[in-house]
């Protein structure tokens, strides 16, 4: 797994998800807490549940669209009742080029929640104030989710801890 972080890490919390449905539920609860302007960095190997997590996040934001991995499209946009979810996947990108400008612009919008997978190529653009979630497969259907975030973002995990 490629990963290095510059996230402000005042707080760590972790949990175990025993199924895709459980991962989606955790994300739905987080999605319901979001205000807009948040940046979420999803870290983990292929098939570890990142897209499942985004599906739950979208559900929590009242997005009605079918959530798919943007691996080949690079980004997907989902609109909820109050907020928009921009989901970026930089897995196949070695040089983000003009995508850097798009990402920078999106991350400044107060009505957008930005979710990024495989963020290594844009690490220097990401704010230090972000929620980083590390997904680790611990068994066939079991995942450990580790959350690192500054205290100012603790509202995002309200009801989970």
Protein backbone atom coordinates (compact mmCIF):
# COMPACT_ATOMS: atom_id res chain seq x y z
CA UNK A 1 0.00 0.00 0.00
CA UNK A 2 1.31 3.45 -0.93
CA UNK A 3 0.78 5.96 1.81
CA UNK A 4 2.34 8.84 3.65
CA UNK A 5 0.38 11.51 5.43
CA UNK A 6 0.66 15.08 6.57
CA UNK A 7 -2.73 15.04 8.28
CA UNK A 8 -3.01 16.75 11.66
CA UNK A 9 -3.45 13.79 14.00
CA UNK A 10 -4.81 14.98 17.32
CA UNK A 11 -7.15 12.04 17.57
CA UNK A 12 -7.07 8.38 16.55
CA UNK A 13 -9.97 5.97 16.69
CA UNK A 14 -10.47 2.55 15.17
CA UNK A 15 -13.22 0.03 14.69
CA UNK A 16 -13.80 -3.31 13.03
CA UNK A 17 -16.30 -3.79 10.22
CA UNK A 18 -17.48 -7.37 9.78
CA UNK A 19 -19.25 -6.88 6.44
CA UNK A 20 -19.75 -4.54 3.52
CA UNK A 21 -23.13 -3.60 5.01
CA UNK A 22 -21.43 -2.65 8.29
CA UNK A 23 -18.84 -0.51 6.46
CA UNK A 24 -21.64 1.22 4.58
CA UNK A 25 -23.55 1.86 7.83
CA UNK A 26 -20.49 3.42 9.48
CA UNK A 27 -20.06 5.72 6.48
CA UNK A 28 -23.76 6.61 6.40
CA UNK A 29 -23.54 7.77 10.02
CA UNK A 30 -20.51 9.90 9.15
CA UNK A 31 -22.26 11.30 6.07
CA UNK A 32 -25.14 12.52 8.22
CA UNK A 33 -22.71 14.60 10.31
CA UNK A 34 -21.03 16.43 7.43
CA UNK A 35 -21.45 20.17 6.94
CA UNK A 36 -19.58 20.64 3.65
CA UNK A 37 -15.99 21.63 3.05
CA UNK A 38 -14.62 18.42 4.57
CA UNK A 39 -11.83 16.42 2.93
CA UNK A 40 -11.69 12.66 3.52
CA UNK A 41 -8.65 10.64 2.46
CA UNK A 42 -9.38 6.91 2.04
CA UNK A 43 -6.27 4.75 2.30
CA UNK A 44 -6.09 1.06 1.58
CA UNK A 45 -5.35 -1.66 -0.92
CA UNK A 46 -7.59 -2.58 -3.82
CA UNK A 47 -10.79 -4.29 -2.69
CA UNK A 48 -10.56 -3.17 0.92
CA UNK A 49 -13.93 -1.37 1.01
CA UNK A 50 -13.21 2.22 -0.01
CA UNK A 51 -15.97 2.41 -2.63
CA UNK A 52 -18.38 0.66 -0.25
CA UNK A 53 -17.54 3.38 2.27
CA UNK A 54 -18.24 6.11 -0.30
CA UNK A 55 -21.59 4.45 -1.08
CA UNK A 56 -22.54 4.80 2.60
CA UNK A 57 -21.25 8.36 2.75
CA UNK A 58 -23.42 9.25 -0.25
CA UNK A 59 -26.40 7.64 1.44
CA UNK A 60 -25.77 9.75 4.55
CA UNK A 61 -25.72 12.87 2.36
CA UNK A 62 -29.05 11.86 0.74
CA UNK A 63 -27.47 11.29 -2.67
CA UNK A 64 -29.77 9.12 -4.77
CA UNK A 65 -27.27 8.15 -7.50
CA UNK A 66 -25.65 4.74 -7.83
CA UNK A 67 -22.10 5.02 -6.46
CA UNK A 68 -19.32 3.44 -8.52
CA UNK A 69 -15.55 3.49 -8.29
CA UNK A 70 -14.13 6.34 -10.41
CA UNK A 71 -10.90 4.42 -11.16
CA UNK A 72 -11.24 4.84 -14.93
CA UNK A 73 -13.10 8.18 -14.88
CA UNK A 74 -10.91 9.66 -12.11
CA UNK A 75 -13.83 11.46 -10.47
CA UNK A 76 -17.53 11.11 -9.84
CA UNK A 77 -19.92 13.73 -8.51
CA UNK A 78 -23.02 12.90 -6.49
CA UNK A 79 -25.59 15.50 -5.46
CA UNK A 80 -27.46 15.29 -2.21
CA UNK A 81 -30.24 17.47 -0.86
CA UNK A 82 -27.84 19.99 0.72
CA UNK A 83 -24.32 18.96 -0.22
CA UNK A 84 -22.40 17.51 -3.16
CA UNK A 85 -19.94 14.64 -2.91
CA UNK A 86 -16.88 14.69 -5.17
CA UNK A 87 -15.12 11.32 -5.24
CA UNK A 88 -11.62 11.25 -6.74
CA UNK A 89 -9.57 8.13 -7.46
CA UNK A 90 -5.95 8.75 -8.47
CA UNK A 91 -4.96 5.06 -8.68
CA UNK A 92 -3.95 5.18 -12.34
CA UNK A 93 -2.47 8.69 -12.25
CA UNK A 94 1.25 9.39 -11.92
CA UNK A 95 1.06 13.09 -12.75
CA UNK A 96 -2.22 14.82 -11.88
CA UNK A 97 -1.61 17.83 -14.16
CA UNK A 98 -4.79 19.86 -14.62
CA UNK A 99 -6.61 17.60 -12.14
CA UNK A 100 -4.62 19.36 -9.42
CA UNK A 101 -6.40 22.61 -10.21
CA UNK A 102 -9.80 20.91 -10.20
CA UNK A 103 -9.08 19.25 -6.86
CA UNK A 104 -7.85 22.49 -5.31
CA UNK A 105 -10.98 24.30 -6.46
CA UNK A 106 -13.35 21.57 -5.24
CA UNK A 107 -11.73 21.43 -1.80
CA UNK A 108 -12.47 25.13 -1.21
CA UNK A 109 -16.20 24.88 -1.92
CA UNK A 110 -18.30 25.00 1.27
CA UNK A 111 -21.11 22.86 -0.17
CA UNK A 112 -18.84 20.01 -1.32
CA UNK A 113 -17.48 17.02 0.57
CA UNK A 114 -14.29 15.79 -1.12
CA UNK A 115 -13.28 12.12 -0.90
CA UNK A 116 -9.94 11.01 -2.32
CA UNK A 117 -8.51 7.55 -2.95
CA UNK A 118 -4.85 6.93 -3.79
CA UNK A 119 -3.95 10.50 -2.85
CA UNK A 120 -0.16 10.13 -2.98
CA UNK A 121 0.16 12.11 -6.23
CA UNK A 122 -1.80 15.05 -4.77
CA UNK A 123 -0.61 14.79 -1.16
CA UNK A 124 0.94 18.28 -1.21
CA UNK A 125 -2.45 19.78 -2.17
CA UNK A 126 -4.43 18.21 0.67
CA UNK A 127 -5.25 20.27 3.73
CA UNK A 128 -3.78 19.23 7.05
CA UNK A 129 -7.29 19.48 8.45
CA UNK A 130 -8.73 16.27 7.02
CA UNK A 131 -10.13 12.93 8.06
CA UNK A 132 -7.82 10.09 7.01
CA UNK A 133 -9.26 6.58 7.12
CA UNK A 134 -6.97 3.58 6.74
CA UNK A 135 -8.67 0.35 5.65
CA UNK A 136 -6.93 -2.92 6.47
CA UNK A 137 -8.37 -6.30 5.57
CA UNK A 138 -8.06 -8.52 8.66
CA UNK A 139 -10.15 -11.50 7.48
CA UNK A 140 -12.16 -12.47 4.40
CA UNK A 141 -15.01 -10.02 5.07
CA UNK A 142 -13.53 -8.15 8.01
CA UNK A 143 -11.86 -4.73 7.82
CA UNK A 144 -10.14 -2.62 10.42
CA UNK A 145 -10.91 1.08 9.91
CA UNK A 146 -8.46 3.49 11.54
CA UNK A 147 -9.46 7.15 11.72
CA UNK A 148 -6.92 9.98 12.15
CA UNK A 149 -8.12 13.56 12.38
CA UNK A 150 -7.70 16.86 14.19
CA UNK A 151 -9.94 17.46 17.20
CA UNK A 152 -11.85 20.09 15.20
CA UNK A 153 -13.28 17.30 12.99
CA UNK A 154 -14.43 15.05 15.83
CA UNK A 155 -18.06 15.95 15.05
CA UNK A 156 -17.76 13.72 11.98
CA UNK A 157 -17.63 10.59 14.15
CA UNK A 158 -20.46 11.62 16.45
CA UNK A 159 -22.47 8.55 17.39
CA UNK A 160 -19.75 6.08 16.40
CA UNK A 161 -17.35 6.28 19.33
